[in-house]
């Protein structure tokens, strides 16, 4: 039975249109919190408070359960504590992997401004080389301006001599996080997590073109 067909409290039907919309949107966007559901409904013109959205989701058991990340208190490096203080101060970039229906690899490059939290780019390919990285960053620099520094892990595309030489030529500093320390690239990791849960985990792509 659909959850929207049985909610009665004290003989009173509480399932008005707004209630049903909260439930349906929460079922559709399982990884969204109540604030995003509220913002979407307000954009649709719904008359509902943020508090009621939260109460409905709690009553229906629709809260998002977030994994608690373990904090590493020791061994944090200067790359991590060097926070962005203005737009184009620090960018970060990374790769996210998926597969098409035929089990062939998809490789997605994401680029984020750590101050504004804006995702500048999601480029998808079967493989992305150091030359592709340079081409993507060059296009973004032309569109958004150059960052002071760019943060990444130690993947072969990022640490390649070609990329390092090109970034030095562009007067952009490079900050590499410690191996096995994704929390040092937290903003890009957060963006990638949202990208995966709201897109990659929800859709099965039949081809590269479709992706």
N, C-alpha and C. Protein backbone atom coordinates (compact mmCIF):
# COMPACT_ATOMS: atom_id res chain seq x y z
N UNK A 1 0.85 -1.20 0.00
CA UNK A 1 0.00 0.00 0.00
C UNK A 1 0.88 1.24 0.00
N UNK A 2 0.51 2.21 -0.82
CA UNK A 2 1.26 3.45 -0.86
C UNK A 2 1.11 4.19 0.46
N UNK A 3 2.24 4.77 0.95
CA UNK A 3 2.22 5.43 2.25
C UNK A 3 1.24 6.61 2.28
N UNK A 4 0.91 7.17 1.11
CA UNK A 4 0.05 8.34 1.08
C UNK A 4 -1.42 7.99 1.18
N UNK A 5 -1.76 6.69 1.30
CA UNK A 5 -3.16 6.28 1.27
C UNK A 5 -3.73 5.93 2.62
N UNK A 6 -2.92 6.01 3.69
CA UNK A 6 -3.44 5.50 4.94
C UNK A 6 -3.25 6.41 6.15
N UNK A 7 -2.74 7.60 5.98
CA UNK A 7 -2.41 8.42 7.14
C UNK A 7 -3.64 9.13 7.70
N UNK A 8 -4.12 8.66 8.84
CA UNK A 8 -5.21 9.29 9.57
C UNK A 8 -4.79 9.42 11.03
N UNK A 9 -5.06 10.53 11.63
CA UNK A 9 -4.74 10.73 13.04
C UNK A 9 -6.00 11.24 13.72
N UNK A 10 -6.45 10.51 14.77
CA UNK A 10 -7.61 10.94 15.53
C UNK A 10 -8.85 11.11 14.66
N UNK A 11 -8.99 10.29 13.60
CA UNK A 11 -10.14 10.37 12.74
C UNK A 11 -10.06 11.50 11.72
N UNK A 12 -9.03 12.31 11.76
CA UNK A 12 -8.91 13.45 10.85
C UNK A 12 -7.93 13.13 9.75
N UNK A 13 -8.33 13.36 8.52
CA UNK A 13 -7.44 13.12 7.39
C UNK A 13 -6.42 14.26 7.28
N UNK A 14 -5.15 13.91 7.57
CA UNK A 14 -4.10 14.93 7.52
C UNK A 14 -3.43 14.99 6.16
N UNK A 15 -3.87 14.12 5.24
CA UNK A 15 -3.19 14.01 3.96
C UNK A 15 -3.70 15.06 2.97
N UNK A 16 -3.44 16.33 3.24
CA UNK A 16 -3.79 17.36 2.28
C UNK A 16 -2.76 17.34 1.15
N UNK A 17 -2.95 18.21 0.16
CA UNK A 17 -2.07 18.21 -1.01
C UNK A 17 -0.62 18.46 -0.64
N UNK A 18 -0.39 19.38 0.31
CA UNK A 18 0.98 19.70 0.70
C UNK A 18 1.65 18.49 1.35
N UNK A 19 0.89 17.79 2.20
CA UNK A 19 1.42 16.60 2.88
C UNK A 19 1.83 15.56 1.83
N UNK A 20 0.93 15.31 0.88
CA UNK A 20 1.22 14.31 -0.15
C UNK A 20 2.43 14.71 -0.99
N UNK A 21 2.54 16.01 -1.26
CA UNK A 21 3.66 16.48 -2.07
C UNK A 21 4.98 16.28 -1.33
N UNK A 22 5.01 16.54 -0.04
CA UNK A 22 6.22 16.30 0.75
C UNK A 22 6.61 14.83 0.67
N UNK A 23 5.64 13.94 0.84
CA UNK A 23 5.91 12.50 0.80
C UNK A 23 6.41 12.08 -0.58
N UNK A 24 5.73 12.54 -1.62
CA UNK A 24 6.11 12.13 -2.98
C UNK A 24 7.49 12.65 -3.36
N UNK A 25 7.79 13.91 -3.02
CA UNK A 25 9.10 14.46 -3.33
C UNK A 25 10.20 13.75 -2.54
N UNK A 26 9.91 13.42 -1.29
CA UNK A 26 10.90 12.73 -0.45
C UNK A 26 11.17 11.33 -0.98
N UNK A 27 10.13 10.67 -1.52
CA UNK A 27 10.33 9.36 -2.14
C UNK A 27 11.14 9.49 -3.42
N UNK A 28 10.90 10.57 -4.17
CA UNK A 28 11.59 10.77 -5.45
C UNK A 28 13.05 11.16 -5.25
N UNK A 29 13.29 12.05 -4.26
CA UNK A 29 14.65 12.53 -3.99
C UNK A 29 15.07 12.03 -2.61
N UNK A 30 15.45 10.79 -2.56
CA UNK A 30 15.70 10.11 -1.29
C UNK A 30 16.88 10.68 -0.52
N UNK A 31 17.80 11.34 -1.21
CA UNK A 31 18.99 11.84 -0.54
C UNK A 31 18.90 13.34 -0.26
N UNK A 32 17.72 13.93 -0.46
CA UNK A 32 17.53 15.34 -0.13
C UNK A 32 17.08 15.49 1.30
N UNK A 33 17.55 16.52 1.97
CA UNK A 33 17.07 16.85 3.30
C UNK A 33 15.80 17.69 3.23
N UNK A 34 15.22 17.96 4.40
CA UNK A 34 13.95 18.68 4.41
C UNK A 34 14.07 20.10 3.88
N UNK A 35 15.23 20.72 4.01
CA UNK A 35 15.40 22.09 3.52
C UNK A 35 15.27 22.15 2.00
N UNK A 36 15.87 21.18 1.31
CA UNK A 36 15.77 21.17 -0.16
C UNK A 36 14.34 20.90 -0.61
N UNK A 37 13.66 19.99 0.10
CA UNK A 37 12.26 19.72 -0.23
C UNK A 37 11.43 20.99 -0.02
N UNK A 38 11.66 21.69 1.09
CA UNK A 38 10.94 22.92 1.38
C UNK A 38 11.21 23.97 0.30
N UNK A 39 12.47 24.16 -0.07
CA UNK A 39 12.82 25.15 -1.09
C UNK A 39 12.14 24.85 -2.41
N UNK A 40 12.11 23.56 -2.79
CA UNK A 40 11.47 23.17 -4.04
C UNK A 40 9.97 23.47 -4.00
N UNK A 41 9.33 23.14 -2.88
CA UNK A 41 7.89 23.37 -2.75
C UNK A 41 7.56 24.86 -2.74
N UNK A 42 8.39 25.65 -2.07
CA UNK A 42 8.16 27.10 -2.07
C UNK A 42 8.31 27.65 -3.49
N UNK A 43 9.26 27.09 -4.24
CA UNK A 43 9.41 27.50 -5.63
C UNK A 43 8.20 27.14 -6.47
N UNK A 44 7.50 26.09 -6.07
CA UNK A 44 6.27 25.68 -6.76
C UNK A 44 5.07 26.49 -6.31
N UNK A 45 5.25 27.32 -5.27
CA UNK A 45 4.15 28.14 -4.77
C UNK A 45 3.34 27.52 -3.66
N UNK A 46 3.85 26.43 -3.06
CA UNK A 46 3.11 25.74 -2.00
C UNK A 46 3.10 26.59 -0.73
N UNK A 47 1.99 26.53 -0.01
CA UNK A 47 1.86 27.23 1.27
C UNK A 47 2.15 26.24 2.40
N UNK A 48 3.41 26.20 2.81
CA UNK A 48 3.82 25.25 3.84
C UNK A 48 5.07 25.80 4.52
N UNK A 49 5.22 25.52 5.79
CA UNK A 49 6.39 26.00 6.53
C UNK A 49 7.49 24.96 6.51
N UNK A 50 8.70 25.43 6.74
CA UNK A 50 9.83 24.51 6.82
C UNK A 50 9.64 23.51 7.96
N UNK A 51 9.07 23.99 9.07
CA UNK A 51 8.85 23.13 10.23
C UNK A 51 7.89 21.99 9.90
N UNK A 52 6.83 22.31 9.13
CA UNK A 52 5.87 21.25 8.81
C UNK A 52 6.49 20.21 7.87
N UNK A 53 7.31 20.67 6.92
CA UNK A 53 8.00 19.73 6.04
C UNK A 53 8.82 18.75 6.88
N UNK A 54 9.53 19.30 7.85
CA UNK A 54 10.38 18.46 8.71
C UNK A 54 9.54 17.47 9.52
N UNK A 55 8.41 17.94 10.07
CA UNK A 55 7.55 17.07 10.88
C UNK A 55 6.93 15.97 10.04
N UNK A 56 6.51 16.29 8.83
CA UNK A 56 5.92 15.28 7.95
C UNK A 56 6.95 14.21 7.63
N UNK A 57 8.15 14.62 7.29
CA UNK A 57 9.20 13.65 6.95
C UNK A 57 9.55 12.79 8.16
N UNK A 58 9.57 13.40 9.35
CA UNK A 58 9.85 12.62 10.56
C UNK A 58 8.74 11.60 10.82
N UNK A 59 7.48 12.04 10.66
CA UNK A 59 6.34 11.16 10.90
C UNK A 59 6.32 9.98 9.93
N UNK A 60 6.75 10.23 8.70
CA UNK A 60 6.73 9.19 7.67
C UNK A 60 8.04 8.40 7.62
N UNK A 61 8.99 8.73 8.49
CA UNK A 61 10.27 8.01 8.49
C UNK A 61 11.10 8.29 7.26
N UNK A 62 11.09 9.54 6.81
CA UNK A 62 11.76 9.89 5.56
C UNK A 62 13.02 10.72 5.76
N UNK A 63 13.50 10.81 6.99
CA UNK A 63 14.72 11.58 7.23
C UNK A 63 15.90 10.92 6.54
N UNK A 64 16.82 11.75 6.09
CA UNK A 64 18.05 11.24 5.49
C UNK A 64 19.00 10.85 6.61
N UNK A 65 19.46 9.61 6.59
CA UNK A 65 20.42 9.15 7.58
C UNK A 65 21.82 9.35 7.01
N UNK A 66 22.54 10.25 7.60
CA UNK A 66 23.88 10.57 7.10
C UNK A 66 24.94 9.76 7.85
N UNK A 67 25.90 9.29 7.08
CA UNK A 67 27.00 8.56 7.69
C UNK A 67 27.90 9.53 8.45
N UNK A 68 28.26 9.15 9.65
CA UNK A 68 29.15 9.99 10.45
C UNK A 68 30.59 9.72 10.03
N UNK A 69 31.25 10.77 9.61
CA UNK A 69 32.64 10.62 9.17
C UNK A 69 33.58 10.67 10.36
N UNK A 70 34.57 9.80 10.32
CA UNK A 70 35.58 9.81 11.37
C UNK A 70 36.55 10.95 11.10
N UNK A 71 36.83 11.70 12.12
CA UNK A 71 37.79 12.80 11.97
C UNK A 71 39.20 12.34 12.30
N UNK A 72 40.10 12.76 11.49
CA UNK A 72 41.50 12.47 11.76
C UNK A 72 42.12 13.70 12.39
N UNK A 73 42.51 13.58 13.64
CA UNK A 73 42.99 14.74 14.38
C UNK A 73 44.49 14.95 14.22
N UNK A 74 45.19 13.87 13.90
CA UNK A 74 46.64 13.97 13.76
C UNK A 74 47.02 13.84 12.30
N UNK A 75 48.16 14.43 11.97
CA UNK A 75 48.70 14.25 10.63
C UNK A 75 48.07 15.14 9.58
N UNK A 76 47.26 16.14 9.97
CA UNK A 76 46.66 17.03 8.98
C UNK A 76 47.74 17.96 8.44
N UNK A 77 47.70 18.19 7.14
CA UNK A 77 48.79 18.91 6.49
C UNK A 77 48.38 20.33 6.15
N UNK A 78 49.36 21.12 5.70
CA UNK A 78 49.09 22.50 5.33
C UNK A 78 48.14 22.57 4.14
N UNK A 79 48.11 21.51 3.29
CA UNK A 79 47.19 21.53 2.17
C UNK A 79 45.75 21.57 2.66
N UNK A 80 45.47 20.93 3.78
CA UNK A 80 44.10 20.86 4.30
C UNK A 80 43.72 22.16 5.00
N UNK A 81 44.61 22.70 5.81
CA UNK A 81 44.25 23.88 6.59
C UNK A 81 44.25 25.15 5.75
N UNK A 82 44.78 25.10 4.54
CA UNK A 82 44.80 26.26 3.67
C UNK A 82 43.41 26.44 3.05
N UNK A 83 42.52 27.16 3.74
CA UNK A 83 41.14 27.32 3.31
C UNK A 83 41.02 28.47 2.31
N UNK A 84 39.98 28.39 1.49
CA UNK A 84 39.70 29.46 0.53
C UNK A 84 39.05 30.64 1.25
N UNK A 85 39.46 31.85 0.90
CA UNK A 85 38.95 33.06 1.54
C UNK A 85 38.17 33.96 0.60
N UNK A 86 38.15 33.62 -0.68
CA UNK A 86 37.41 34.44 -1.65
C UNK A 86 37.26 33.62 -2.94
N UNK A 87 36.34 34.01 -3.83
CA UNK A 87 36.18 33.27 -5.09
C UNK A 87 37.48 33.22 -5.88
N UNK A 88 37.72 32.09 -6.51
CA UNK A 88 38.93 31.87 -7.31
C UNK A 88 40.20 31.85 -6.47
N UNK A 89 40.07 31.64 -5.18
CA UNK A 89 41.26 31.47 -4.34
C UNK A 89 41.74 30.03 -4.46
N UNK A 90 40.86 29.08 -4.12
CA UNK A 90 41.21 27.66 -4.19
C UNK A 90 40.14 26.91 -4.97
N UNK A 91 40.55 26.23 -6.02
CA UNK A 91 39.69 25.27 -6.71
C UNK A 91 40.15 23.86 -6.32
N UNK A 92 39.27 22.92 -6.47
CA UNK A 92 39.67 21.52 -6.30
C UNK A 92 39.04 20.70 -7.42
N UNK A 93 39.73 19.62 -7.80
CA UNK A 93 39.18 18.76 -8.85
C UNK A 93 39.50 17.30 -8.55
N UNK A 94 38.67 16.44 -9.12
CA UNK A 94 38.76 15.01 -8.80
C UNK A 94 38.06 14.23 -9.91
N UNK A 95 38.12 12.90 -9.79
CA UNK A 95 37.45 12.03 -10.75
C UNK A 95 36.45 11.13 -10.03
N UNK A 96 35.31 10.90 -10.68
CA UNK A 96 34.28 9.99 -10.19
C UNK A 96 34.06 8.95 -11.28
N UNK A 97 33.93 7.69 -10.88
CA UNK A 97 33.82 6.61 -11.86
C UNK A 97 32.44 5.96 -11.82
N UNK A 98 31.99 5.53 -12.99
CA UNK A 98 30.74 4.79 -13.11
C UNK A 98 30.87 3.87 -14.32
N UNK A 99 29.80 3.17 -14.67
CA UNK A 99 29.81 2.30 -15.84
C UNK A 99 28.51 2.43 -16.61
N UNK A 100 28.60 2.27 -17.92
CA UNK A 100 27.40 2.22 -18.74
C UNK A 100 26.80 0.82 -18.66
N UNK A 101 25.66 0.65 -19.29
CA UNK A 101 24.93 -0.61 -19.20
C UNK A 101 25.74 -1.79 -19.70
N UNK A 102 26.66 -1.55 -20.63
CA UNK A 102 27.50 -2.63 -21.18
C UNK A 102 28.76 -2.86 -20.33
N UNK A 103 28.80 -2.29 -19.13
CA UNK A 103 29.88 -2.48 -18.15
C UNK A 103 31.18 -1.76 -18.53
N UNK A 104 31.13 -0.88 -19.52
CA UNK A 104 32.32 -0.10 -19.87
C UNK A 104 32.43 1.11 -18.94
N UNK A 105 33.66 1.51 -18.67
CA UNK A 105 33.92 2.56 -17.68
C UNK A 105 33.49 3.95 -18.17
N UNK A 106 32.95 4.72 -17.23
CA UNK A 106 32.74 6.15 -17.41
C UNK A 106 33.63 6.87 -16.40
N UNK A 107 34.32 7.89 -16.86
CA UNK A 107 35.20 8.67 -15.99
C UNK A 107 34.74 10.12 -16.02
N UNK A 108 34.39 10.67 -14.86
CA UNK A 108 33.85 12.02 -14.78
C UNK A 108 34.83 12.92 -14.03
N UNK A 109 35.20 14.03 -14.62
CA UNK A 109 36.05 15.01 -13.95
C UNK A 109 35.19 16.14 -13.41
N UNK A 110 35.30 16.40 -12.11
CA UNK A 110 34.53 17.47 -11.48
C UNK A 110 35.48 18.56 -10.98
N UNK A 111 35.05 19.81 -11.09
CA UNK A 111 35.86 20.95 -10.66
C UNK A 111 34.98 21.87 -9.81
N UNK A 112 35.47 22.25 -8.63
CA UNK A 112 34.68 23.02 -7.67
C UNK A 112 35.48 24.22 -7.16
N UNK A 113 34.81 25.37 -7.03
CA UNK A 113 35.40 26.52 -6.34
C UNK A 113 35.12 26.33 -4.85
N UNK A 114 36.16 26.22 -4.03
CA UNK A 114 35.97 25.88 -2.62
C UNK A 114 35.33 27.00 -1.80
N UNK A 115 35.41 28.24 -2.26
CA UNK A 115 34.80 29.34 -1.51
C UNK A 115 33.31 29.45 -1.82
N UNK A 116 32.95 29.46 -3.09
CA UNK A 116 31.54 29.60 -3.47
C UNK A 116 30.80 28.27 -3.45
N UNK A 117 31.55 27.17 -3.41
CA UNK A 117 31.00 25.79 -3.48
C UNK A 117 30.35 25.52 -4.84
N UNK A 118 30.64 26.34 -5.82
CA UNK A 118 30.05 26.16 -7.14
C UNK A 118 30.79 25.07 -7.90
N UNK A 119 30.03 24.17 -8.50
CA UNK A 119 30.61 23.15 -9.36
C UNK A 119 30.74 23.72 -10.77
N UNK A 120 31.97 23.91 -11.23
CA UNK A 120 32.20 24.52 -12.54
C UNK A 120 32.02 23.52 -13.68
N UNK A 121 32.32 22.26 -13.43
CA UNK A 121 32.43 21.34 -14.56
C UNK A 121 32.17 19.91 -14.15
N UNK A 122 31.47 19.18 -15.01
CA UNK A 122 31.41 17.71 -14.95
C UNK A 122 31.64 17.24 -16.38
N UNK A 123 32.84 16.78 -16.66
CA UNK A 123 33.19 16.28 -17.98
C UNK A 123 33.21 14.76 -17.94
N UNK A 124 32.54 14.12 -18.90
CA UNK A 124 32.42 12.67 -18.92
C UNK A 124 33.15 12.10 -20.13
N UNK A 125 33.89 11.04 -19.91
CA UNK A 125 34.57 10.35 -21.00
C UNK A 125 34.83 8.91 -20.62
N UNK A 126 35.25 8.13 -21.60
CA UNK A 126 35.66 6.76 -21.29
C UNK A 126 36.98 6.77 -20.52
N UNK A 127 37.84 7.68 -20.92
CA UNK A 127 39.09 7.89 -20.20
C UNK A 127 39.44 9.37 -20.36
N UNK A 128 40.07 9.93 -19.33
CA UNK A 128 40.49 11.33 -19.38
C UNK A 128 41.97 11.38 -19.03
N UNK A 129 42.77 11.85 -19.95
CA UNK A 129 44.21 11.88 -19.79
C UNK A 129 44.68 13.21 -19.24
N UNK A 130 45.99 13.33 -19.02
CA UNK A 130 46.56 14.60 -18.58
C UNK A 130 46.28 15.70 -19.59
N UNK A 131 46.31 15.37 -20.88
CA UNK A 131 46.01 16.36 -21.92
C UNK A 131 44.57 16.84 -21.81
N UNK A 132 43.67 15.91 -21.49
CA UNK A 132 42.26 16.28 -21.31
C UNK A 132 42.10 17.21 -20.10
N UNK A 133 42.82 16.90 -19.02
CA UNK A 133 42.78 17.75 -17.83
C UNK A 133 43.21 19.18 -18.17
N UNK A 134 44.29 19.31 -18.90
CA UNK A 134 44.79 20.64 -19.29
C UNK A 134 43.75 21.36 -20.15
N UNK A 135 43.16 20.65 -21.09
CA UNK A 135 42.15 21.26 -21.96
C UNK A 135 40.94 21.75 -21.17
N UNK A 136 40.46 20.92 -20.23
CA UNK A 136 39.29 21.28 -19.42
C UNK A 136 39.60 22.50 -18.54
N UNK A 137 40.75 22.46 -17.85
CA UNK A 137 41.12 23.57 -16.97
C UNK A 137 41.35 24.85 -17.77
N UNK A 138 41.96 24.73 -18.93
CA UNK A 138 42.20 25.91 -19.78
C UNK A 138 40.88 26.57 -20.15
N UNK A 139 39.88 25.76 -20.49
CA UNK A 139 38.57 26.29 -20.85
C UNK A 139 37.92 26.99 -19.65
N UNK A 140 38.06 26.38 -18.46
CA UNK A 140 37.48 26.98 -17.24
C UNK A 140 38.20 28.26 -16.85
N UNK A 141 39.51 28.29 -17.00
CA UNK A 141 40.26 29.51 -16.69
C UNK A 141 39.80 30.66 -17.58
N UNK A 142 39.54 30.35 -18.85
CA UNK A 142 39.09 31.38 -19.79
C UNK A 142 37.70 31.89 -19.42
N UNK A 143 36.87 31.00 -18.85
CA UNK A 143 35.49 31.37 -18.52
C UNK A 143 35.37 32.05 -17.17
N UNK A 144 36.06 31.50 -16.15
CA UNK A 144 35.88 31.96 -14.77
C UNK A 144 37.09 32.72 -14.20
N UNK A 145 38.18 32.76 -14.93
CA UNK A 145 39.41 33.31 -14.38
C UNK A 145 40.23 32.21 -13.73
N UNK A 146 41.48 32.51 -13.45
CA UNK A 146 42.37 31.51 -12.87
C UNK A 146 42.33 31.55 -11.34
N UNK A 147 42.36 30.37 -10.69
CA UNK A 147 42.46 30.35 -9.23
C UNK A 147 43.90 30.62 -8.80
N UNK A 148 44.05 30.99 -7.53
CA UNK A 148 45.39 31.13 -6.98
C UNK A 148 46.06 29.77 -6.87
N UNK A 149 45.29 28.78 -6.41
CA UNK A 149 45.84 27.44 -6.31
C UNK A 149 44.73 26.42 -6.59
N UNK A 150 45.13 25.22 -6.88
CA UNK A 150 44.19 24.16 -7.19
C UNK A 150 44.57 22.92 -6.40
N UNK A 151 43.58 22.29 -5.77
CA UNK A 151 43.82 21.16 -4.87
C UNK A 151 43.36 19.87 -5.54
N UNK A 152 44.12 18.81 -5.34
CA UNK A 152 43.74 17.52 -5.92
C UNK A 152 44.45 16.41 -5.14
N UNK A 153 44.07 15.18 -5.47
CA UNK A 153 44.79 14.05 -4.90
C UNK A 153 46.02 13.78 -5.76
N UNK A 154 46.63 12.61 -5.55
CA UNK A 154 47.89 12.30 -6.24
C UNK A 154 47.68 11.34 -7.41
N UNK A 155 46.51 11.44 -8.06
CA UNK A 155 46.25 10.61 -9.23
C UNK A 155 47.22 10.91 -10.34
N UNK A 156 47.46 9.94 -11.21
CA UNK A 156 48.47 10.12 -12.26
C UNK A 156 48.19 11.29 -13.19
N UNK A 157 46.91 11.58 -13.43
CA UNK A 157 46.59 12.71 -14.31
C UNK A 157 46.96 14.03 -13.65
N UNK A 158 46.76 14.12 -12.32
CA UNK A 158 47.01 15.38 -11.62
C UNK A 158 48.49 15.66 -11.42
N UNK A 159 49.26 14.60 -11.15
CA UNK A 159 50.68 14.80 -10.83
C UNK A 159 51.58 14.65 -12.05
N UNK A 160 50.97 14.47 -13.22
CA UNK A 160 51.79 14.32 -14.42
C UNK A 160 52.62 15.58 -14.65
N UNK A 161 53.78 15.39 -15.23
CA UNK A 161 54.68 16.52 -15.47
C UNK A 161 54.03 17.54 -16.39
N UNK A 162 53.24 17.05 -17.35
CA UNK A 162 52.59 17.96 -18.29
C UNK A 162 51.62 18.90 -17.57
N UNK A 163 50.81 18.35 -16.66
CA UNK A 163 49.85 19.18 -15.92
C UNK A 163 50.58 20.13 -14.99
N UNK A 164 51.58 19.64 -14.26
CA UNK A 164 52.32 20.50 -13.34
C UNK A 164 53.03 21.64 -14.09
N UNK A 165 53.62 21.31 -15.22
CA UNK A 165 54.33 22.32 -16.01
C UNK A 165 53.36 23.37 -16.53
N UNK A 166 52.18 22.91 -17.00
CA UNK A 166 51.20 23.85 -17.54
C UNK A 166 50.65 24.76 -16.45
N UNK A 167 50.33 24.19 -15.26
CA UNK A 167 49.81 25.01 -14.16
C UNK A 167 50.85 26.03 -13.69
N UNK A 168 52.10 25.62 -13.68
CA UNK A 168 53.17 26.56 -13.30
C UNK A 168 53.24 27.70 -14.32
N UNK A 169 53.10 27.37 -15.59
CA UNK A 169 53.11 28.38 -16.65
C UNK A 169 51.94 29.35 -16.48
N UNK A 170 50.81 28.83 -15.98
CA UNK A 170 49.62 29.66 -15.77
C UNK A 170 49.66 30.38 -14.42
N UNK A 171 50.74 30.19 -13.65
CA UNK A 171 50.92 30.83 -12.33
C UNK A 171 49.84 30.39 -11.34
N UNK A 172 49.52 29.10 -11.38
CA UNK A 172 48.56 28.51 -10.44
C UNK A 172 49.31 27.52 -9.56
N UNK A 173 49.26 27.72 -8.25
CA UNK A 173 49.92 26.80 -7.32
C UNK A 173 49.15 25.48 -7.25
N UNK A 174 49.86 24.40 -6.94
CA UNK A 174 49.22 23.10 -6.79
C UNK A 174 49.36 22.62 -5.34
N UNK A 175 48.26 22.15 -4.77
CA UNK A 175 48.24 21.57 -3.43
C UNK A 175 47.75 20.14 -3.54
N UNK A 176 48.64 19.19 -3.25
CA UNK A 176 48.28 17.78 -3.32
C UNK A 176 47.99 17.25 -1.92
N UNK A 177 46.87 16.58 -1.77
CA UNK A 177 46.52 16.04 -0.46
C UNK A 177 47.35 14.79 -0.18
N UNK A 178 47.40 14.40 1.08
CA UNK A 178 48.12 13.19 1.45
C UNK A 178 47.43 11.96 0.87
N UNK A 179 48.19 10.94 0.46
CA UNK A 179 47.58 9.70 -0.05
C UNK A 179 46.61 9.10 0.98
N UNK A 180 45.45 8.67 0.49
CA UNK A 180 44.46 8.05 1.37
C UNK A 180 43.80 9.00 2.33
N UNK A 181 43.78 10.30 2.00
CA UNK A 181 43.20 11.31 2.90
C UNK A 181 42.17 12.16 2.16
N UNK A 182 41.06 11.56 1.72
CA UNK A 182 40.08 12.33 0.92
C UNK A 182 39.46 13.49 1.67
N UNK A 183 39.45 13.43 3.03
CA UNK A 183 38.86 14.54 3.80
C UNK A 183 39.64 15.84 3.61
N UNK A 184 40.88 15.74 3.14
CA UNK A 184 41.66 16.95 2.87
C UNK A 184 41.19 17.64 1.59
N UNK A 185 40.34 16.97 0.83
CA UNK A 185 39.73 17.56 -0.37
C UNK A 185 38.22 17.56 -0.17
N UNK A 186 37.79 18.09 0.99
CA UNK A 186 36.42 17.88 1.47
C UNK A 186 35.36 18.48 0.56
N UNK A 187 35.58 19.66 0.01
CA UNK A 187 34.54 20.31 -0.79
C UNK A 187 34.27 19.53 -2.08
N UNK A 188 35.33 19.08 -2.73
CA UNK A 188 35.14 18.30 -3.95
C UNK A 188 34.54 16.94 -3.62
N UNK A 189 34.95 16.34 -2.50
CA UNK A 189 34.38 15.06 -2.09
C UNK A 189 32.89 15.21 -1.81
N UNK A 190 32.49 16.31 -1.18
CA UNK A 190 31.07 16.55 -0.90
C UNK A 190 30.29 16.70 -2.21
N UNK A 191 30.84 17.47 -3.13
CA UNK A 191 30.20 17.65 -4.44
C UNK A 191 30.06 16.31 -5.15
N UNK A 192 31.11 15.51 -5.12
CA UNK A 192 31.08 14.21 -5.79
C UNK A 192 30.06 13.28 -5.15
N UNK A 193 29.93 13.35 -3.83
CA UNK A 193 28.97 12.51 -3.13
C UNK A 193 27.54 12.85 -3.55
N UNK A 194 27.24 14.15 -3.65
CA UNK A 194 25.91 14.58 -4.10
C UNK A 194 25.68 14.17 -5.55
N UNK A 195 26.70 14.35 -6.38
CA UNK A 195 26.62 13.97 -7.79
C UNK A 195 26.33 12.48 -7.93
N UNK A 196 27.00 11.67 -7.11
CA UNK A 196 26.79 10.22 -7.20
C UNK A 196 25.39 9.82 -6.73
N UNK A 197 24.97 10.33 -5.57
CA UNK A 197 23.70 9.88 -5.00
C UNK A 197 22.49 10.41 -5.76
N UNK A 198 22.61 11.63 -6.34
CA UNK A 198 21.46 12.21 -7.03
C UNK A 198 21.45 11.95 -8.52
N UNK A 199 22.57 11.45 -9.06
CA UNK A 199 22.63 11.22 -10.51
C UNK A 199 23.11 9.80 -10.85
N UNK A 200 24.37 9.52 -10.56
CA UNK A 200 24.95 8.25 -11.00
C UNK A 200 24.24 7.04 -10.40
N UNK A 201 23.88 7.11 -9.11
CA UNK A 201 23.23 5.97 -8.46
C UNK A 201 21.76 5.85 -8.84
N UNK A 202 21.21 6.88 -9.47
CA UNK A 202 19.78 6.86 -9.81
C UNK A 202 19.52 6.49 -11.27
N UNK A 203 20.55 6.58 -12.10
CA UNK A 203 20.35 6.36 -13.53
C UNK A 203 21.33 5.32 -14.07
N UNK A 204 20.85 4.51 -15.01
CA UNK A 204 21.69 3.56 -15.72
C UNK A 204 21.82 4.07 -17.15
N UNK A 205 23.02 4.45 -17.52
CA UNK A 205 23.25 5.03 -18.84
C UNK A 205 23.52 3.93 -19.85
N UNK A 206 22.86 4.04 -21.00
CA UNK A 206 23.03 3.02 -22.03
C UNK A 206 24.26 3.23 -22.88
N UNK A 207 24.78 4.46 -22.91
CA UNK A 207 25.93 4.76 -23.76
C UNK A 207 26.65 5.99 -23.24
N UNK A 208 27.81 6.27 -23.83
CA UNK A 208 28.56 7.48 -23.48
C UNK A 208 27.77 8.72 -23.84
N UNK A 209 27.13 8.68 -25.02
CA UNK A 209 26.34 9.83 -25.48
C UNK A 209 25.21 10.13 -24.51
N UNK A 210 24.55 9.09 -24.02
CA UNK A 210 23.45 9.27 -23.07
C UNK A 210 23.97 9.85 -21.76
N UNK A 211 25.14 9.40 -21.31
CA UNK A 211 25.73 9.92 -20.07
C UNK A 211 26.08 11.38 -20.22
